[in-house]
Structures are given as C-alpha cells and as structure tokens.
Amino acid sequence: MDKIKIISENEFISKLLDLQYIDFKDNNFDNLISEMKHLSRDVNWAKGWPEDDVSFWNAEAFMWCNKISANKRKQIQEELLALLLIDKVNINLDLGAGGFSYIPSIAFDFSKKMLSYNDNAIKKIEGDLGEKLPFEDNYFDSITAIFVFNYVKNLNLILKEIKRVLKKDGICIIVQNAKKINDWQRQKEKNEFNENNTSSWFNFFTSFGFEVNLTLKNNLLFFKLKNNSNHY
C-alpha cells in the first residue's frame, strides 16, 4: 500500500468516527459525506462508499462493536440459547453474521472486513445472500439471522435456501428490531419490520412451510422457524 493510500485510509477511518456523532440535519453532514466519498476512491475496501453495499458494510465494521449495546447483545444471546435449546445444536449457520456471532457459528457474510472482527466464528465464509448458499442439503442443525432480513433484497430465495440447508426439525431464528433503526443504516433497508406488521411476516414465513412462533421482547422480534419437512 503506497503512502497516499495509507493517508487516505487513515483519514477515512477518522471521519467514520465523526460520522457516528453528527446529526444528519447538521449543515456539515453533506460536506462530511462528500469528503469521505472522495477519500474512499483510494481505499480498496471502501471504493464506491456509501452507495456500494459491500463497501458500506466494510466501513460499518470499524464501529460495529459500538452499534449494539453489550446489554442488548446479552439479551439476544440468552434468548437464542433458550429458543434453540443450544445443548442439542451441533452446527449453527449465522447468516449476515457481520462482526459478531451471538453463538459459536459458521459465519456467512459478504463483507470480508466485517468477518475479520468476528471472534465467535468457528469458520468464516464470504458470500452473498442474494445467491444460492454454498452448502449441502439438510446440513445445519440451526440457522440464525440477526438484524439481517431488513437488508435482504430477495427474501424468497434466502428462505428457500434456508429450508434447503436446514435439517428436518431444524430451527432458524430471525431477530429484528421492533422499532425503527438509525437513519444512516436505514438507507440500506429493503424490508421493514415493526410491531404493527408482525402478522404479515408471520404469514409470509409460514407460506414457506415453516412452523412459526413469534416472541416480542424488549423491542426485539424473535421469529422461530421450525423446518417440518425437507421439501423445498
């Protein structure tokens, strides 16, 4: 990496920190974004930021540990352990794992930078949720997708793929916020989850042949999908 690229990367990361604390209505916000876009041209993992999805999430990786509070992470982890009966689970696939897997998992994400921060992954696989998953049929005991489905464009494909790679009677847990997420990340949303549309999501997941249960806890939606058959 040449000197110019090193300087650009350091400045870009520094401005990522500024981005966390600036109000989107601030007069300086547009100037900050413009400066960061210019710098991103010389940063290999950030080219095309923020429009390019991979570059966007690569950049988010640096601040991911601060995006979700330790208390919320603990709540999610405890709920996952209860819903999955984790002592019976051998292999968990964490879809869109990003920089943190709540239980030991095979972590799957399209952001290499995000995966590099994931210390709870027993294996890291870089891949796209918009394509067929690179796993055998009936392979996983459980699957988790934490704060992911609101960003997935082709939900029909990913649900068919989940059903395909999940063992019979295997469990998939989908976790989403029941309230709106921050404005910055909401620009990447493809689907909205909230307390008022849970019945629509319940019916949608059921239409793929899953037995569905929903828990609302501390403004978090936990959809538990049980794979009752191997037909996909």
C-alpha atoms as a PDB file:
ATOM      1  CA  MET A   1       0.000   0.000   0.000  1.00  0.00           C
ATOM      2  CA  ASP A   2       1.530   3.345  -1.043  1.00  0.00           C
ATOM      3  CA  LYS A   3       1.770   6.388   1.198  1.00  0.00           C
ATOM      4  CA  ILE A   4      -1.193   8.213  -0.386  1.00  0.00           C
ATOM      5  CA  LYS A   5      -3.491   5.223   0.136  1.00  0.00           C
ATOM      6  CA  ILE A   6      -2.372   4.832   3.750  1.00  0.00           C
ATOM      7  CA  ILE A   7      -3.089   8.506   4.429  1.00  0.00           C
ATOM      8  CA  SER A   8      -6.488   8.268   2.693  1.00  0.00           C
ATOM      9  CA  GLU A   9      -7.427   5.158   4.666  1.00  0.00           C
ATOM     10  CA  ASN A  10      -6.462   6.743   7.987  1.00  0.00           C
ATOM     11  CA  GLU A  11      -8.394   9.921   7.164  1.00  0.00           C
ATOM     12  CA  PHE A  12     -11.415   7.905   6.011  1.00  0.00           C
ATOM     13  CA  ILE A  13     -11.471   5.903   9.258  1.00  0.00           C
ATOM     14  CA  SER A  14     -11.109   9.111  11.267  1.00  0.00           C
ATOM     15  CA  LYS A  15     -14.114  10.601   9.500  1.00  0.00           C
ATOM     16  CA  LEU A  16     -16.091   7.410  10.143  1.00  0.00           C
ATOM     17  CA  LEU A  17     -15.785   8.306  13.809  1.00  0.00           C
ATOM     18  CA  ASP A  18     -17.045  11.818  13.071  1.00  0.00           C
ATOM     19  CA  LEU A  19     -19.994  10.306  11.208  1.00  0.00           C
ATOM     20  CA  GLN A  20     -21.164   8.498  14.347  1.00  0.00           C
ATOM     21  CA  TYR A  21     -21.691  11.756  16.207  1.00  0.00           C
ATOM     22  CA  ILE A  22     -23.018  14.159  13.601  1.00  0.00           C
ATOM     23  CA  ASP A  23     -26.722  14.882  13.174  1.00  0.00           C
ATOM     24  CA  PHE A  24     -27.978  14.169   9.662  1.00  0.00           C
ATOM     25  CA  LYS A  25     -29.660  17.579   9.714  1.00  0.00           C
ATOM     26  CA  ASP A  26     -26.384  19.279  10.568  1.00  0.00           C
ATOM     27  CA  ASN A  27     -25.199  21.689   7.874  1.00  0.00           C
ATOM     28  CA  ASN A  28     -21.812  19.943   7.884  1.00  0.00           C
ATOM     29  CA  PHE A  29     -23.240  16.484   7.202  1.00  0.00           C
ATOM     30  CA  ASP A  30     -23.248  16.741   3.405  1.00  0.00           C
ATOM     31  CA  ASN A  31     -19.717  18.139   3.423  1.00  0.00           C
ATOM     32  CA  LEU A  32     -18.520  15.233   5.558  1.00  0.00           C
ATOM     33  CA  ILE A  33     -20.086  12.673   3.220  1.00  0.00           C
ATOM     34  CA  SER A  34     -18.567  14.413   0.203  1.00  0.00           C
ATOM     35  CA  GLU A  35     -15.096  14.345   1.781  1.00  0.00           C
ATOM     36  CA  MET A  36     -15.451  10.673   2.675  1.00  0.00           C
ATOM     37  CA  LYS A  37     -16.596   9.756  -0.829  1.00  0.00           C
ATOM     38  CA  HIS A  38     -13.502  11.436  -2.227  1.00  0.00           C
ATOM     39  CA  LEU A  39     -11.214   9.607   0.218  1.00  0.00           C
ATOM     40  CA  SER A  40     -12.894   6.255  -0.457  1.00  0.00           C
ATOM     41  CA  ARG A  41     -11.552   6.250  -4.010  1.00  0.00           C
ATOM     42  CA  ASP A  42      -8.083   5.479  -2.627  1.00  0.00           C
ATOM     43  CA  VAL A  43      -9.253   2.903  -0.057  1.00  0.00           C
ATOM     44  CA  ASN A  44      -9.512  -0.574  -1.591  1.00  0.00           C
ATOM     45  CA  TRP A  45     -12.197  -1.872   0.767  1.00  0.00           C
ATOM     46  CA  ALA A  46     -14.278   1.343   0.599  1.00  0.00           C
ATOM     47  CA  LYS A  47     -14.432   2.092  -3.129  1.00  0.00           C
ATOM     48  CA  GLY A  48     -17.913   3.248  -4.104  1.00  0.00           C
ATOM     49  CA  TRP A  49     -18.880   4.057  -0.495  1.00  0.00           C
ATOM     50  CA  PRO A  50     -21.608   4.560   0.599  1.00  0.00           C
ATOM     51  CA  GLU A  51     -23.654   3.542  -2.473  1.00  0.00           C
ATOM     52  CA  ASP A  52     -21.852   0.217  -2.886  1.00  0.00           C
ATOM     53  CA  ASP A  53     -23.312  -2.229  -0.349  1.00  0.00           C
ATOM     54  CA  VAL A  54     -20.120  -4.180   0.350  1.00  0.00           C
ATOM     55  CA  SER A  55     -18.092  -1.002   0.842  1.00  0.00           C
ATOM     56  CA  PHE A  56     -20.817   0.431   3.082  1.00  0.00           C
ATOM     57  CA  TRP A  57     -20.732  -2.557   5.416  1.00  0.00           C
ATOM     58  CA  ASN A  58     -16.949  -2.816   5.268  1.00  0.00           C
ATOM     59  CA  ALA A  59     -16.871   0.699   6.690  1.00  0.00           C
ATOM     60  CA  GLU A  60     -19.510  -0.115   9.314  1.00  0.00           C
ATOM     61  CA  ALA A  61     -17.245  -2.899  10.587  1.00  0.00           C
ATOM     62  CA  PHE A  62     -14.975  -0.403  12.319  1.00  0.00           C
ATOM     63  CA  MET A  63     -17.770   0.878  14.548  1.00  0.00           C
ATOM     64  CA  TRP A  64     -19.846  -2.291  14.836  1.00  0.00           C
ATOM     65  CA  CYS A  65     -18.843  -3.016  18.431  1.00  0.00           C
ATOM     66  CA  ASN A  66     -20.500   0.282  19.406  1.00  0.00           C
ATOM     67  CA  LYS A  67     -23.647  -0.109  17.296  1.00  0.00           C
ATOM     68  CA  ILE A  68     -25.325  -2.612  19.613  1.00  0.00           C
ATOM     69  CA  SER A  69     -25.025  -2.252  23.377  1.00  0.00           C
ATOM     70  CA  ALA A  70     -23.494  -5.007  25.472  1.00  0.00           C
ATOM     71  CA  ASN A  71     -26.792  -5.307  27.345  1.00  0.00           C
ATOM     72  CA  LYS A  72     -28.799  -5.847  24.158  1.00  0.00           C
ATOM     73  CA  ARG A  73     -26.273  -8.399  22.922  1.00  0.00           C
ATOM     74  CA  LYS A  74     -26.598 -10.294  26.184  1.00  0.00           C
ATOM     75  CA  GLN A  75     -30.405 -10.283  25.899  1.00  0.00           C
ATOM     76  CA  ILE A  76     -30.256 -11.621  22.358  1.00  0.00           C
ATOM     77  CA  GLN A  77     -27.741 -14.300  23.259  1.00  0.00           C
ATOM     78  CA  GLU A  78     -29.824 -15.507  26.208  1.00  0.00           C
ATOM     79  CA  GLU A  79     -32.977 -15.641  24.090  1.00  0.00           C
ATOM     80  CA  LEU A  80     -31.184 -17.557  21.326  1.00  0.00           C
ATOM     81  CA  LEU A  81     -29.907 -20.116  23.799  1.00  0.00           C
ATOM     82  CA  ALA A  82     -33.431 -20.605  25.129  1.00  0.00           C
ATOM     83  CA  LEU A  83     -35.107 -20.816  21.711  1.00  0.00           C
ATOM     84  CA  LEU A  84     -32.522 -23.107  20.150  1.00  0.00           C
ATOM     85  CA  LEU A  85     -32.009 -25.429  23.131  1.00  0.00           C
ATOM     86  CA  ILE A  86     -28.354 -24.937  22.349  1.00  0.00           C
ATOM     87  CA  ASP A  87     -27.156 -28.098  24.081  1.00  0.00           C
ATOM     88  CA  LYS A  88     -28.829 -30.031  21.250  1.00  0.00           C
ATOM     89  CA  VAL A  89     -27.291 -27.960  18.447  1.00  0.00           C
ATOM     90  CA  ASN A  90     -24.170 -29.159  16.701  1.00  0.00           C
ATOM     91  CA  ILE A  91     -23.716 -26.797  13.756  1.00  0.00           C
ATOM     92  CA  ASN A  92     -25.172 -23.284  13.535  1.00  0.00           C
ATOM     93  CA  LEU A  93     -25.030 -21.118  10.415  1.00  0.00           C
ATOM     94  CA  ASP A  94     -25.051 -17.379  11.114  1.00  0.00           C
ATOM     95  CA  LEU A  95     -26.343 -15.562   8.031  1.00  0.00           C
ATOM     96  CA  GLY A  96     -25.176 -11.978   7.589  1.00  0.00           C
ATOM     97  CA  ALA A  97     -23.026 -12.568  10.651  1.00  0.00           C
ATOM     98  CA  GLY A  98     -21.038  -9.381  10.291  1.00  0.00           C
ATOM     99  CA  GLY A  99     -18.583  -8.623  13.061  1.00  0.00           C
ATOM    100  CA  PHE A 100     -20.330 -10.596  15.812  1.00  0.00           C
ATOM    101  CA  SER A 101     -21.946 -14.030  16.110  1.00  0.00           C
ATOM    102  CA  TYR A 102     -24.062 -14.487  19.219  1.00  0.00           C
ATOM    103  CA  ILE A 103     -23.288 -18.190  19.475  1.00  0.00           C
ATOM    104  CA  PRO A 104     -20.371 -20.199  18.014  1.00  0.00           C
ATOM    105  CA  SER A 105     -21.220 -20.443  14.323  1.00  0.00           C
ATOM    106  CA  ILE A 106     -20.147 -20.779  10.755  1.00  0.00           C
ATOM    107  CA  ALA A 107     -20.258 -17.066   9.933  1.00  0.00           C
ATOM    108  CA  PHE A 108     -21.503 -16.116   6.457  1.00  0.00           C
ATOM    109  CA  ASP A 109     -21.303 -12.530   5.212  1.00  0.00           C
ATOM    110  CA  PHE A 110     -20.407 -10.585   2.068  1.00  0.00           C
ATOM    111  CA  SER A 111     -18.197  -8.156   3.982  1.00  0.00           C
ATOM    112  CA  LYS A 112     -14.698  -9.543   4.464  1.00  0.00           C
ATOM    113  CA  LYS A 113     -13.912  -6.603   6.727  1.00  0.00           C
ATOM    114  CA  MET A 114     -16.892  -7.406   8.959  1.00  0.00           C
ATOM    115  CA  LEU A 115     -15.922 -11.071   9.203  1.00  0.00           C
ATOM    116  CA  SER A 116     -12.392 -10.132  10.250  1.00  0.00           C
ATOM    117  CA  TYR A 117     -13.834  -8.762  13.511  1.00  0.00           C
ATOM    118  CA  ASN A 118     -15.971 -11.822  14.265  1.00  0.00           C
ATOM    119  CA  ASP A 119     -14.198 -13.665  17.075  1.00  0.00           C
ATOM    120  CA  ASN A 120     -17.099 -16.010  17.815  1.00  0.00           C
ATOM    121  CA  ALA A 121     -16.984 -17.642  14.385  1.00  0.00           C
ATOM    122  CA  ILE A 122     -15.677 -21.199  14.191  1.00  0.00           C
ATOM    123  CA  LYS A 123     -15.372 -20.685  10.431  1.00  0.00           C
ATOM    124  CA  LYS A 124     -15.763 -17.622   8.207  1.00  0.00           C
ATOM    125  CA  ILE A 125     -17.224 -17.783   4.703  1.00  0.00           C
ATOM    126  CA  GLU A 126     -17.529 -14.784   2.409  1.00  0.00           C
ATOM    127  CA  GLY A 127     -20.646 -14.908   0.262  1.00  0.00           C
ATOM    128  CA  ASP A 128     -23.793 -13.170  -0.946  1.00  0.00           C
ATOM    129  CA  LEU A 129     -27.276 -13.766   0.498  1.00  0.00           C
ATOM    130  CA  GLY A 130     -28.652 -12.897  -2.921  1.00  0.00           C
ATOM    131  CA  GLU A 131     -27.248 -16.131  -4.336  1.00  0.00           C
ATOM    132  CA  LYS A 132     -27.633 -19.838  -3.631  1.00  0.00           C
ATOM    133  CA  LEU A 133     -25.900 -20.766  -0.383  1.00  0.00           C
ATOM    134  CA  PRO A 134     -22.698 -22.831  -0.837  1.00  0.00           C
ATOM    135  CA  PHE A 135     -23.808 -25.644   1.496  1.00  0.00           C
ATOM    136  CA  GLU A 136     -25.188 -29.159   1.126  1.00  0.00           C
ATOM    137  CA  ASP A 137     -28.854 -30.019   1.623  1.00  0.00           C
ATOM    138  CA  ASN A 138     -30.005 -30.803   5.185  1.00  0.00           C
ATOM    139  CA  TYR A 139     -26.665 -29.764   6.661  1.00  0.00           C
ATOM    140  CA  PHE A 140     -27.311 -27.376   9.559  1.00  0.00           C
ATOM    141  CA  ASP A 141     -28.957 -28.038  12.915  1.00  0.00           C
ATOM    142  CA  SER A 142     -29.828 -24.361  13.266  1.00  0.00           C
ATOM    143  CA  ILE A 143     -29.555 -21.043  11.465  1.00  0.00           C
ATOM    144  CA  THR A 144     -29.526 -17.530  12.884  1.00  0.00           C
ATOM    145  CA  ALA A 145     -30.077 -14.207  11.105  1.00  0.00           C
ATOM    146  CA  ILE A 146     -29.678 -11.260  13.460  1.00  0.00           C
ATOM    147  CA  PHE A 147     -30.671  -7.816  12.142  1.00  0.00           C
ATOM    148  CA  VAL A 148     -30.285  -9.083   8.580  1.00  0.00           C
ATOM    149  CA  PHE A 149     -33.661  -9.674   6.926  1.00  0.00           C
ATOM    150  CA  ASN A 150     -34.468  -5.965   6.696  1.00  0.00           C
ATOM    151  CA  TYR A 151     -31.479  -5.647   4.324  1.00  0.00           C
ATOM    152  CA  VAL A 152     -32.127  -8.731   2.155  1.00  0.00           C
ATOM    153  CA  LYS A 153     -33.496  -7.956  -1.305  1.00  0.00           C
ATOM    154  CA  ASN A 154     -34.567 -11.449  -2.400  1.00  0.00           C
ATOM    155  CA  LEU A 155     -36.333 -12.933   0.620  1.00  0.00           C
ATOM    156  CA  ASN A 156     -37.958 -15.682  -1.435  1.00  0.00           C
ATOM    157  CA  LEU A 157     -34.560 -17.034  -2.431  1.00  0.00           C
ATOM    158  CA  ILE A 158     -32.977 -16.897   1.004  1.00  0.00           C
ATOM    159  CA  LEU A 159     -35.957 -18.577   2.693  1.00  0.00           C
ATOM    160  CA  LYS A 160     -35.912 -21.386   0.131  1.00  0.00           C
ATOM    161  CA  GLU A 161     -32.186 -21.742   0.727  1.00  0.00           C
ATOM    162  CA  ILE A 162     -32.644 -21.778   4.497  1.00  0.00           C
ATOM    163  CA  LYS A 163     -35.207 -24.553   4.124  1.00  0.00           C
ATOM    164  CA  ARG A 164     -32.851 -26.475   1.831  1.00  0.00           C
ATOM    165  CA  VAL A 165     -29.736 -26.398   4.037  1.00  0.00           C
ATOM    166  CA  LEU A 166     -31.599 -26.794   7.348  1.00  0.00           C
ATOM    167  CA  LYS A 167     -32.106 -30.305   8.689  1.00  0.00           C
ATOM    168  CA  LYS A 168     -35.625 -31.624   9.217  1.00  0.00           C
ATOM    169  CA  ASP A 169     -36.900 -30.237  12.534  1.00  0.00           C
ATOM    170  CA  GLY A 170     -34.015 -27.754  12.465  1.00  0.00           C
ATOM    171  CA  ILE A 171     -34.610 -24.239  13.754  1.00  0.00           C
ATOM    172  CA  CYS A 172     -33.997 -20.851  12.166  1.00  0.00           C
ATOM    173  CA  ILE A 173     -34.136 -17.780  14.408  1.00  0.00           C
ATOM    174  CA  ILE A 174     -34.676 -14.398  12.759  1.00  0.00           C
ATOM    175  CA  VAL A 175     -34.176 -11.377  15.028  1.00  0.00           C
ATOM    176  CA  GLN A 176     -35.275  -7.865  14.071  1.00  0.00           C
ATOM    177  CA  ASN A 177     -35.814  -4.572  15.839  1.00  0.00           C
ATOM    178  CA  ALA A 178     -39.447  -3.762  16.553  1.00  0.00           C
ATOM    179  CA  LYS A 179     -38.608  -0.057  16.337  1.00  0.00           C
ATOM    180  CA  LYS A 180     -37.009   1.948  13.534  1.00  0.00           C
ATOM    181  CA  ILE A 181     -33.239   1.694  13.227  1.00  0.00           C
ATOM    182  CA  ASN A 182     -30.966   4.715  12.850  1.00  0.00           C
ATOM    183  CA  ASP A 183     -31.271   6.861   9.730  1.00  0.00           C
ATOM    184  CA  TRP A 184     -27.786   6.047   8.458  1.00  0.00           C
ATOM    185  CA  GLN A 185     -28.317   2.281   8.251  1.00  0.00           C
ATOM    186  CA  ARG A 186     -31.957   2.644   7.220  1.00  0.00           C
ATOM    187  CA  GLN A 187     -30.792   3.873   3.808  1.00  0.00           C
ATOM    188  CA  LYS A 188     -29.840   0.243   3.066  1.00  0.00           C
ATOM    189  CA  GLU A 189     -33.138  -1.273   4.196  1.00  0.00           C
ATOM    190  CA  LYS A 190     -35.148  -3.318   1.720  1.00  0.00           C
ATOM    191  CA  ASN A 191     -37.843  -4.526   4.154  1.00  0.00           C
ATOM    192  CA  GLU A 192     -39.436  -3.038   7.249  1.00  0.00           C
ATOM    193  CA  PHE A 193     -40.134  -4.881  10.485  1.00  0.00           C
ATOM    194  CA  ASN A 194     -42.150  -3.335  13.318  1.00  0.00           C
ATOM    195  CA  GLU A 195     -44.750  -4.176  15.943  1.00  0.00           C
ATOM    196  CA  ASN A 196     -47.596  -3.390  13.549  1.00  0.00           C
ATOM    197  CA  ASN A 197     -46.694  -5.719  10.672  1.00  0.00           C
ATOM    198  CA  THR A 198     -45.707  -8.878  12.560  1.00  0.00           C
ATOM    199  CA  SER A 199     -48.780 -10.786  11.343  1.00  0.00           C
ATOM    200  CA  SER A 200     -47.758 -10.174   7.726  1.00  0.00           C
ATOM    201  CA  TRP A 201     -44.264 -11.504   8.386  1.00  0.00           C
ATOM    202  CA  PHE A 202     -45.691 -14.440  10.350  1.00  0.00           C
ATOM    203  CA  ASN A 203     -47.860 -15.408   7.368  1.00  0.00           C
ATOM    204  CA  PHE A 204     -45.004 -14.849   4.925  1.00  0.00           C
ATOM    205  CA  PHE A 205     -42.647 -17.187   6.788  1.00  0.00           C
ATOM    206  CA  THR A 206     -45.436 -19.759   7.211  1.00  0.00           C
ATOM    207  CA  SER A 207     -46.019 -19.770   3.443  1.00  0.00           C
ATOM    208  CA  PHE A 208     -42.607 -21.425   3.002  1.00  0.00           C
ATOM    209  CA  GLY A 209     -43.688 -24.417   5.064  1.00  0.00           C
ATOM    210  CA  PHE A 210     -42.165 -23.391   8.381  1.00  0.00           C
ATOM    211  CA  GLU A 211     -43.868 -23.754  11.733  1.00  0.00           C
ATOM    212  CA  VAL A 212     -43.554 -20.203  13.062  1.00  0.00           C
ATOM    213  CA  ASN A 213     -43.560 -18.787  16.573  1.00  0.00           C
ATOM    214  CA  LEU A 214     -43.060 -15.120  17.420  1.00  0.00           C
ATOM    215  CA  THR A 215     -41.765 -13.552  20.613  1.00  0.00           C
ATOM    216  CA  LEU A 216     -41.665  -9.790  21.241  1.00  0.00           C
ATOM    217  CA  LYS A 217     -39.220  -8.928  23.992  1.00  0.00           C
ATOM    218  CA  ASN A 218     -37.590  -5.604  24.869  1.00  0.00           C
ATOM    219  CA  ASN A 219     -38.447  -4.126  21.457  1.00  0.00           C
ATOM    220  CA  LEU A 220     -36.932  -7.121  19.682  1.00  0.00           C
ATOM    221  CA  LEU A 221     -38.814  -9.521  17.399  1.00  0.00           C
ATOM    222  CA  PHE A 222     -37.750 -13.168  17.595  1.00  0.00           C
ATOM    223  CA  PHE A 223     -39.194 -15.311  14.800  1.00  0.00           C
ATOM    224  CA  LYS A 224     -38.624 -19.014  15.399  1.00  0.00           C
ATOM    225  CA  LEU A 225     -38.978 -21.034  12.189  1.00  0.00           C
ATOM    226  CA  LYS A 226     -39.070 -24.812  12.509  1.00  0.00           C
ATOM    227  CA  ASN A 227     -38.391 -26.861   9.389  1.00  0.00           C
ATOM    228  CA  ASN A 228     -41.074 -29.552   9.467  1.00  0.00           C
ATOM    229  CA  SER A 229     -40.159 -31.101   6.140  1.00  0.00           C
ATOM    230  CA  ASN A 230     -37.304 -31.500   3.690  1.00  0.00           C
ATOM    231  CA  HIS A 231     -39.398 -30.267   0.771  1.00  0.00           C
ATOM    232  CA  TYR A 232     -38.132 -27.029  -0.703  1.00  0.00           C
END
